[in-house]
Amino acid sequence: MSWIRAVVAAGLSLFVPGAGHVLVRDWGRALLFGTLFVTSIVLLFPVEELWAIASADAATATSMSETTAEMMETMEDGTDAIDRFTLTFLSLFAAVHAGTQALGMTDAPGDGDDVAACPHCGKPLDEDLTFCHWCTTRLEEAGEATSN
């Protein structure tokens, strides 16, 4: 895969862990990182206070910069360094993993197994199918190739 795709996958995962994995179509890890990120925010940040600030400022039509400043102040007061480190680490780990996976530097499923691989994309094949379910390349069976 191209390095541009890897950079985009890593960048997406910096903002929302799991989004880069969606780009590389690794649905399981996307769900895992996304769930970890949302759970960490709910557990570590003062969500109730932030929600109250947002709803109160929306009702009074306060400017966006004042609302953002008040929310940032609440975040700094309501969290400690460990909480911020946890979310930063999660984002960086997801970004590095999504980037290396987009570059093809991680092991693909079935790499160590004795499973037939697609000649086009290299991913493991389902023996019952006559095409690759990853890239839809039609596969020739051994009997068809010798009879032609």
N, C-alpha and C. Protein backbone atom coordinates (compact mmCIF):
# COMPACT_ATOMS: atom_id res chain seq x y z
N MET A 1 0.83 -1.17 0.00
CA MET A 1 0.00 0.00 0.00
C MET A 1 0.88 1.24 0.00
N SER A 2 0.33 2.33 -0.38
CA SER A 2 1.13 3.53 -0.55
C SER A 2 1.42 4.21 0.79
N TRP A 3 2.47 4.98 0.81
CA TRP A 3 2.84 5.70 2.03
C TRP A 3 1.84 6.81 2.33
N ILE A 4 1.17 7.34 1.32
CA ILE A 4 0.16 8.38 1.55
C ILE A 4 -1.00 7.79 2.36
N ARG A 5 -1.41 6.59 2.00
CA ARG A 5 -2.47 5.93 2.75
C ARG A 5 -2.05 5.68 4.19
N ALA A 6 -0.79 5.34 4.39
CA ALA A 6 -0.28 5.12 5.75
C ALA A 6 -0.30 6.41 6.56
N VAL A 7 0.10 7.51 5.95
CA VAL A 7 0.10 8.80 6.65
C VAL A 7 -1.33 9.22 6.99
N VAL A 8 -2.25 9.03 6.05
CA VAL A 8 -3.65 9.38 6.31
C VAL A 8 -4.23 8.50 7.41
N ALA A 9 -3.93 7.20 7.39
CA ALA A 9 -4.42 6.29 8.43
C ALA A 9 -3.87 6.69 9.80
N ALA A 10 -2.59 7.03 9.86
CA ALA A 10 -2.00 7.44 11.13
C ALA A 10 -2.60 8.77 11.59
N GLY A 11 -2.80 9.70 10.68
CA GLY A 11 -3.39 10.99 11.04
C GLY A 11 -4.80 10.86 11.55
N LEU A 12 -5.59 10.03 10.90
CA LEU A 12 -6.96 9.81 11.37
C LEU A 12 -6.97 9.20 12.77
N SER A 13 -6.06 8.26 13.01
CA SER A 13 -6.02 7.62 14.32
C SER A 13 -5.50 8.54 15.41
N LEU A 14 -4.79 9.59 15.05
CA LEU A 14 -4.37 10.56 16.06
C LEU A 14 -5.57 11.31 16.61
N PHE A 15 -6.51 11.64 15.74
CA PHE A 15 -7.69 12.39 16.18
C PHE A 15 -8.75 11.49 16.79
N VAL A 16 -9.02 10.36 16.15
CA VAL A 16 -10.00 9.40 16.66
C VAL A 16 -9.40 8.01 16.51
N PRO A 17 -8.86 7.45 17.58
CA PRO A 17 -8.30 6.10 17.48
C PRO A 17 -9.32 5.12 16.93
N GLY A 18 -8.89 4.37 15.94
CA GLY A 18 -9.77 3.42 15.27
C GLY A 18 -10.16 3.88 13.87
N ALA A 19 -10.14 5.18 13.62
CA ALA A 19 -10.53 5.70 12.30
C ALA A 19 -9.52 5.30 11.23
N GLY A 20 -8.25 5.24 11.58
CA GLY A 20 -7.23 4.80 10.62
C GLY A 20 -7.38 3.32 10.28
N HIS A 21 -7.84 2.54 11.23
CA HIS A 21 -8.06 1.12 10.98
C HIS A 21 -9.27 0.91 10.07
N VAL A 22 -10.23 1.81 10.13
CA VAL A 22 -11.36 1.74 9.20
C VAL A 22 -10.84 1.96 7.78
N LEU A 23 -9.90 2.88 7.61
CA LEU A 23 -9.32 3.16 6.30
C LEU A 23 -8.64 1.93 5.71
N VAL A 24 -7.95 1.16 6.55
CA VAL A 24 -7.26 -0.04 6.06
C VAL A 24 -8.14 -1.28 6.17
N ARG A 25 -9.39 -1.07 6.51
CA ARG A 25 -10.41 -2.12 6.56
C ARG A 25 -10.10 -3.23 7.57
N ASP A 26 -9.59 -2.83 8.71
CA ASP A 26 -9.38 -3.76 9.82
C ASP A 26 -10.47 -3.46 10.84
N TRP A 27 -11.64 -4.03 10.62
CA TRP A 27 -12.84 -3.67 11.37
C TRP A 27 -12.73 -4.04 12.84
N GLY A 28 -12.13 -5.15 13.15
CA GLY A 28 -12.01 -5.58 14.55
C GLY A 28 -11.18 -4.61 15.37
N ARG A 29 -10.03 -4.24 14.85
CA ARG A 29 -9.17 -3.30 15.59
C ARG A 29 -9.77 -1.90 15.61
N ALA A 30 -10.49 -1.53 14.57
CA ALA A 30 -11.17 -0.23 14.56
C ALA A 30 -12.19 -0.17 15.69
N LEU A 31 -12.95 -1.23 15.85
CA LEU A 31 -13.94 -1.29 16.93
C LEU A 31 -13.24 -1.30 18.29
N LEU A 32 -12.15 -2.05 18.40
CA LEU A 32 -11.42 -2.12 19.66
C LEU A 32 -10.87 -0.76 20.06
N PHE A 33 -10.14 -0.10 19.16
CA PHE A 33 -9.55 1.20 19.49
C PHE A 33 -10.62 2.26 19.73
N GLY A 34 -11.68 2.24 18.93
CA GLY A 34 -12.77 3.20 19.12
C GLY A 34 -13.45 3.03 20.46
N THR A 35 -13.70 1.78 20.84
CA THR A 35 -14.33 1.50 22.13
C THR A 35 -13.42 1.90 23.28
N LEU A 36 -12.14 1.59 23.18
CA LEU A 36 -11.19 2.00 24.22
C LEU A 36 -11.14 3.52 24.36
N PHE A 37 -11.17 4.23 23.24
CA PHE A 37 -11.09 5.68 23.26
C PHE A 37 -12.33 6.29 23.93
N VAL A 38 -13.51 5.86 23.52
CA VAL A 38 -14.75 6.40 24.09
C VAL A 38 -14.85 6.05 25.57
N THR A 39 -14.51 4.83 25.92
CA THR A 39 -14.56 4.41 27.32
C THR A 39 -13.57 5.23 28.16
N SER A 40 -12.38 5.47 27.63
CA SER A 40 -11.39 6.27 28.35
C SER A 40 -11.88 7.70 28.56
N ILE A 41 -12.50 8.28 27.56
CA ILE A 41 -13.01 9.65 27.71
C ILE A 41 -14.09 9.70 28.78
N VAL A 42 -15.00 8.74 28.75
CA VAL A 42 -16.09 8.74 29.72
C VAL A 42 -15.56 8.53 31.14
N LEU A 43 -14.57 7.66 31.29
CA LEU A 43 -14.06 7.37 32.62
C LEU A 43 -13.08 8.42 33.14
N LEU A 44 -12.30 9.05 32.26
CA LEU A 44 -11.22 9.91 32.72
C LEU A 44 -11.55 11.41 32.70
N PHE A 45 -12.46 11.83 31.85
CA PHE A 45 -12.74 13.26 31.73
C PHE A 45 -14.01 13.62 32.50
N PRO A 46 -14.11 14.87 32.94
CA PRO A 46 -15.32 15.31 33.64
C PRO A 46 -16.45 15.58 32.63
N VAL A 47 -17.02 14.52 32.10
CA VAL A 47 -17.99 14.61 31.01
C VAL A 47 -19.24 15.39 31.44
N GLU A 48 -19.71 15.17 32.68
CA GLU A 48 -20.91 15.86 33.14
C GLU A 48 -20.71 17.37 33.17
N GLU A 49 -19.56 17.80 33.67
CA GLU A 49 -19.26 19.23 33.73
C GLU A 49 -19.15 19.83 32.33
N LEU A 50 -18.49 19.13 31.42
CA LEU A 50 -18.35 19.63 30.05
C LEU A 50 -19.70 19.71 29.36
N TRP A 51 -20.55 18.71 29.59
CA TRP A 51 -21.89 18.72 28.99
C TRP A 51 -22.71 19.89 29.54
N ALA A 52 -22.58 20.15 30.84
CA ALA A 52 -23.32 21.27 31.45
C ALA A 52 -22.85 22.60 30.87
N ILE A 53 -21.55 22.75 30.67
CA ILE A 53 -21.02 23.99 30.09
C ILE A 53 -21.53 24.16 28.66
N ALA A 54 -21.49 23.10 27.89
CA ALA A 54 -21.92 23.18 26.49
C ALA A 54 -23.41 23.51 26.39
N SER A 55 -24.22 22.89 27.20
CA SER A 55 -25.66 23.14 27.11
C SER A 55 -26.02 24.52 27.66
N ALA A 56 -25.35 24.97 28.72
CA ALA A 56 -25.63 26.30 29.27
C ALA A 56 -25.20 27.39 28.31
N ASP A 57 -24.04 27.21 27.67
CA ASP A 57 -23.56 28.23 26.74
C ASP A 57 -24.37 28.24 25.46
N ALA A 58 -24.92 27.09 25.07
CA ALA A 58 -25.78 27.05 23.88
C ALA A 58 -27.09 27.77 24.15
N ALA A 59 -27.59 27.65 25.38
CA ALA A 59 -28.85 28.31 25.74
C ALA A 59 -28.69 29.83 25.82
N THR A 60 -27.50 30.29 26.25
CA THR A 60 -27.28 31.73 26.39
C THR A 60 -26.61 32.35 25.17
N ALA A 61 -26.33 31.55 24.15
CA ALA A 61 -25.71 32.02 22.91
C ALA A 61 -24.36 32.69 23.16
N THR A 62 -23.56 32.08 24.02
CA THR A 62 -22.21 32.56 24.28
C THR A 62 -21.33 32.26 23.07
N SER A 63 -20.31 33.08 22.85
CA SER A 63 -19.45 32.88 21.68
C SER A 63 -18.68 31.56 21.80
N MET A 64 -18.32 31.05 20.65
CA MET A 64 -17.63 29.75 20.59
C MET A 64 -16.27 29.82 21.29
N SER A 65 -15.56 30.91 21.16
CA SER A 65 -14.24 31.01 21.80
C SER A 65 -14.35 31.04 23.32
N GLU A 66 -15.38 31.69 23.85
CA GLU A 66 -15.56 31.69 25.31
C GLU A 66 -15.93 30.31 25.81
N THR A 67 -16.79 29.62 25.07
CA THR A 67 -17.18 28.26 25.45
C THR A 67 -15.98 27.32 25.42
N THR A 68 -15.18 27.42 24.36
CA THR A 68 -13.99 26.58 24.24
C THR A 68 -13.01 26.85 25.36
N ALA A 69 -12.80 28.12 25.69
CA ALA A 69 -11.88 28.47 26.77
C ALA A 69 -12.37 27.93 28.11
N GLU A 70 -13.67 28.02 28.35
CA GLU A 70 -14.23 27.51 29.61
C GLU A 70 -14.11 25.98 29.67
N MET A 71 -14.34 25.32 28.54
CA MET A 71 -14.21 23.85 28.51
C MET A 71 -12.75 23.42 28.72
N MET A 72 -11.82 24.13 28.11
CA MET A 72 -10.40 23.79 28.29
C MET A 72 -9.97 23.99 29.74
N GLU A 73 -10.46 25.04 30.37
CA GLU A 73 -10.14 25.28 31.77
C GLU A 73 -10.71 24.16 32.65
N THR A 74 -11.92 23.73 32.36
CA THR A 74 -12.53 22.63 33.10
C THR A 74 -11.75 21.34 32.89
N MET A 75 -11.30 21.10 31.66
CA MET A 75 -10.51 19.90 31.36
C MET A 75 -9.20 19.89 32.14
N GLU A 76 -8.54 21.03 32.19
CA GLU A 76 -7.27 21.10 32.92
C GLU A 76 -7.47 20.91 34.41
N ASP A 77 -8.56 21.47 34.95
CA ASP A 77 -8.82 21.34 36.38
C ASP A 77 -9.34 19.95 36.74
N GLY A 78 -10.09 19.33 35.84
CA GLY A 78 -10.74 18.06 36.14
C GLY A 78 -9.93 16.82 35.82
N THR A 79 -8.78 16.97 35.17
CA THR A 79 -7.96 15.82 34.84
C THR A 79 -6.54 16.02 35.36
N ASP A 80 -5.86 14.92 35.58
CA ASP A 80 -4.46 15.02 35.97
C ASP A 80 -3.58 14.54 34.82
N ALA A 81 -2.30 14.54 35.04
CA ALA A 81 -1.34 14.19 33.98
C ALA A 81 -1.48 12.73 33.53
N ILE A 82 -1.82 11.85 34.44
CA ILE A 82 -1.98 10.43 34.10
C ILE A 82 -3.14 10.24 33.13
N ASP A 83 -4.25 10.93 33.36
CA ASP A 83 -5.42 10.82 32.48
C ASP A 83 -5.08 11.31 31.07
N ARG A 84 -4.42 12.45 30.99
CA ARG A 84 -4.05 12.99 29.67
C ARG A 84 -3.02 12.09 28.99
N PHE A 85 -2.09 11.53 29.76
CA PHE A 85 -1.10 10.61 29.20
C PHE A 85 -1.78 9.36 28.63
N THR A 86 -2.77 8.85 29.34
CA THR A 86 -3.46 7.65 28.90
C THR A 86 -4.10 7.85 27.53
N LEU A 87 -4.81 8.96 27.35
CA LEU A 87 -5.45 9.22 26.07
C LEU A 87 -4.43 9.51 24.97
N THR A 88 -3.37 10.21 25.31
CA THR A 88 -2.32 10.48 24.34
C THR A 88 -1.65 9.19 23.90
N PHE A 89 -1.34 8.32 24.84
CA PHE A 89 -0.72 7.04 24.52
C PHE A 89 -1.63 6.20 23.64
N LEU A 90 -2.90 6.16 23.96
CA LEU A 90 -3.85 5.38 23.17
C LEU A 90 -3.91 5.91 21.74
N SER A 91 -3.95 7.22 21.59
CA SER A 91 -3.99 7.82 20.25
C SER A 91 -2.71 7.53 19.47
N LEU A 92 -1.57 7.69 20.11
CA LEU A 92 -0.30 7.43 19.43
C LEU A 92 -0.14 5.96 19.07
N PHE A 93 -0.52 5.07 19.97
CA PHE A 93 -0.42 3.64 19.69
C PHE A 93 -1.31 3.26 18.50
N ALA A 94 -2.54 3.77 18.49
CA ALA A 94 -3.45 3.48 17.38
C ALA A 94 -2.91 4.06 16.08
N ALA A 95 -2.30 5.26 16.13
CA ALA A 95 -1.76 5.88 14.92
C ALA A 95 -0.58 5.09 14.37
N VAL A 96 0.32 4.68 15.23
CA VAL A 96 1.48 3.90 14.78
C VAL A 96 1.03 2.55 14.22
N HIS A 97 0.10 1.91 14.89
CA HIS A 97 -0.37 0.61 14.42
C HIS A 97 -1.09 0.73 13.08
N ALA A 98 -1.95 1.74 12.94
CA ALA A 98 -2.67 1.92 11.67
C ALA A 98 -1.69 2.25 10.54
N GLY A 99 -0.68 3.07 10.83
CA GLY A 99 0.31 3.41 9.81
C GLY A 99 1.13 2.22 9.37
N THR A 100 1.59 1.44 10.32
CA THR A 100 2.39 0.26 9.95
C THR A 100 1.55 -0.79 9.27
N GLN A 101 0.29 -0.90 9.65
CA GLN A 101 -0.59 -1.85 8.98
C GLN A 101 -0.89 -1.40 7.55
N ALA A 102 -1.05 -0.10 7.34
CA ALA A 102 -1.30 0.41 5.99
C ALA A 102 -0.08 0.21 5.09
N LEU A 103 1.11 0.25 5.67
CA LEU A 103 2.32 0.01 4.89
C LEU A 103 2.58 -1.48 4.66
N GLY A 104 1.82 -2.33 5.34
CA GLY A 104 2.00 -3.77 5.19
C GLY A 104 3.13 -4.32 6.03
N MET A 105 3.50 -3.62 7.09
CA MET A 105 4.61 -4.05 7.93
C MET A 105 4.18 -5.00 9.04
N THR A 106 2.88 -5.17 9.25
CA THR A 106 2.40 -6.10 10.27
C THR A 106 2.02 -7.41 9.61
N ASP A 107 1.92 -8.43 10.40
CA ASP A 107 1.56 -9.75 9.87
C ASP A 107 0.10 -9.75 9.46
N ALA A 108 -0.15 -10.28 8.29
CA ALA A 108 -1.53 -10.46 7.84
C ALA A 108 -2.06 -11.76 8.40
N PRO A 109 -3.37 -11.89 8.58
CA PRO A 109 -3.90 -13.14 9.10
C PRO A 109 -3.53 -14.31 8.18
N GLY A 110 -3.05 -15.37 8.77
CA GLY A 110 -2.72 -16.56 8.00
C GLY A 110 -1.31 -16.57 7.43
N ASP A 111 -0.47 -15.59 7.77
CA ASP A 111 0.89 -15.57 7.23
C ASP A 111 1.72 -16.78 7.68
N GLY A 112 1.54 -17.20 8.91
CA GLY A 112 2.33 -18.31 9.41
C GLY A 112 1.69 -19.66 9.15
N ASP A 113 0.48 -19.67 8.63
CA ASP A 113 -0.23 -20.92 8.40
C ASP A 113 0.12 -21.49 7.04
N ASP A 114 -0.20 -22.78 6.85
CA ASP A 114 -0.02 -23.42 5.55
C ASP A 114 -1.33 -23.28 4.77
N VAL A 115 -1.69 -22.06 4.46
CA VAL A 115 -2.93 -21.76 3.75
C VAL A 115 -2.55 -21.17 2.41
N ALA A 116 -3.30 -21.57 1.36
CA ALA A 116 -3.04 -21.01 0.04
C ALA A 116 -3.28 -19.51 0.05
N ALA A 117 -2.44 -18.79 -0.67
CA ALA A 117 -2.55 -17.34 -0.72
C ALA A 117 -2.96 -16.89 -2.12
N CYS A 118 -3.65 -15.77 -2.20
CA CYS A 118 -4.07 -15.22 -3.48
C CYS A 118 -2.84 -14.76 -4.26
N PRO A 119 -2.74 -15.10 -5.54
CA PRO A 119 -1.58 -14.65 -6.32
C PRO A 119 -1.60 -13.14 -6.59
N HIS A 120 -2.75 -12.51 -6.43
CA HIS A 120 -2.86 -11.08 -6.71
C HIS A 120 -2.59 -10.22 -5.47
N CYS A 121 -3.31 -10.51 -4.35
CA CYS A 121 -3.18 -9.66 -3.16
C CYS A 121 -2.37 -10.31 -2.04
N GLY A 122 -2.15 -11.64 -2.10
CA GLY A 122 -1.34 -12.32 -1.11
C GLY A 122 -2.06 -12.70 0.17
N LYS A 123 -3.34 -12.44 0.27
CA LYS A 123 -4.09 -12.76 1.48
C LYS A 123 -4.55 -14.22 1.42
N PRO A 124 -4.85 -14.79 2.58
CA PRO A 124 -5.25 -16.20 2.61
C PRO A 124 -6.58 -16.43 1.88
N LEU A 125 -6.67 -17.60 1.25
CA LEU A 125 -7.85 -17.93 0.45
C LEU A 125 -8.75 -18.91 1.17
N ASP A 126 -10.03 -18.84 0.85
CA ASP A 126 -10.99 -19.84 1.29
C ASP A 126 -10.99 -20.94 0.24
N GLU A 127 -10.72 -22.17 0.64
CA GLU A 127 -10.56 -23.27 -0.31
C GLU A 127 -11.86 -23.61 -1.04
N ASP A 128 -13.00 -23.24 -0.47
CA ASP A 128 -14.28 -23.57 -1.08
C ASP A 128 -14.67 -22.61 -2.20
N LEU A 129 -14.01 -21.48 -2.32
CA LEU A 129 -14.37 -20.46 -3.31
C LEU A 129 -13.45 -20.53 -4.52
N THR A 130 -13.96 -20.09 -5.66
CA THR A 130 -13.15 -20.06 -6.89
C THR A 130 -12.66 -18.65 -7.18
N PHE A 131 -12.76 -17.78 -6.19
CA PHE A 131 -12.25 -16.42 -6.32
C PHE A 131 -11.73 -15.98 -4.96
N CYS A 132 -10.90 -14.94 -4.97
CA CYS A 132 -10.39 -14.38 -3.72
C CYS A 132 -11.46 -13.47 -3.13
N HIS A 133 -11.88 -13.74 -1.91
CA HIS A 133 -12.92 -12.92 -1.30
C HIS A 133 -12.38 -11.58 -0.79
N TRP A 134 -11.08 -11.35 -0.90
CA TRP A 134 -10.49 -10.07 -0.52
C TRP A 134 -10.45 -9.12 -1.70
N CYS A 135 -9.95 -9.59 -2.84
CA CYS A 135 -9.78 -8.70 -4.00
C CYS A 135 -10.62 -9.12 -5.20
N THR A 136 -11.40 -10.17 -5.08
CA THR A 136 -12.31 -10.71 -6.11
C THR A 136 -11.60 -11.20 -7.37
N THR A 137 -10.34 -11.55 -7.27
CA THR A 137 -9.62 -12.12 -8.42
C THR A 137 -10.10 -13.55 -8.64
N ARG A 138 -10.48 -13.87 -9.88
CA ARG A 138 -10.91 -15.22 -10.21
C ARG A 138 -9.69 -16.13 -10.20
N LEU A 139 -9.84 -17.30 -9.57
CA LEU A 139 -8.74 -18.25 -9.44
C LEU A 139 -8.96 -19.43 -10.37
N GLU A 140 -7.90 -19.87 -11.01
CA GLU A 140 -7.96 -21.06 -11.85
C GLU A 140 -7.66 -22.27 -10.98
N GLU A 141 -8.45 -23.30 -11.14
CA GLU A 141 -8.19 -24.53 -10.40
C GLU A 141 -7.15 -25.33 -11.14
N ALA A 142 -6.45 -26.24 -10.47
CA ALA A 142 -5.39 -27.03 -11.10
C ALA A 142 -5.93 -27.86 -12.24
N GLY A 143 -7.14 -28.40 -12.11
CA GLY A 143 -7.72 -29.22 -13.16
C GLY A 143 -8.05 -28.41 -14.41
N GLU A 144 -8.50 -27.17 -14.24
CA GLU A 144 -8.85 -26.33 -15.38
C GLU A 144 -7.59 -25.88 -16.12
N ALA A 145 -6.52 -25.61 -15.38
CA ALA A 145 -5.30 -25.11 -16.00
C ALA A 145 -4.65 -26.20 -16.87
N THR A 146 -4.71 -27.46 -16.47
CA THR A 146 -4.07 -28.51 -17.26
C THR A 146 -4.92 -28.95 -18.43
N SER A 147 -6.25 -28.81 -18.35
CA SER A 147 -7.11 -29.24 -19.44
C SER A 147 -7.14 -28.24 -20.59
N ASN A 148 -6.78 -27.00 -20.38
CA ASN A 148 -6.79 -25.98 -21.45
C ASN A 148 -5.61 -26.03 -22.33
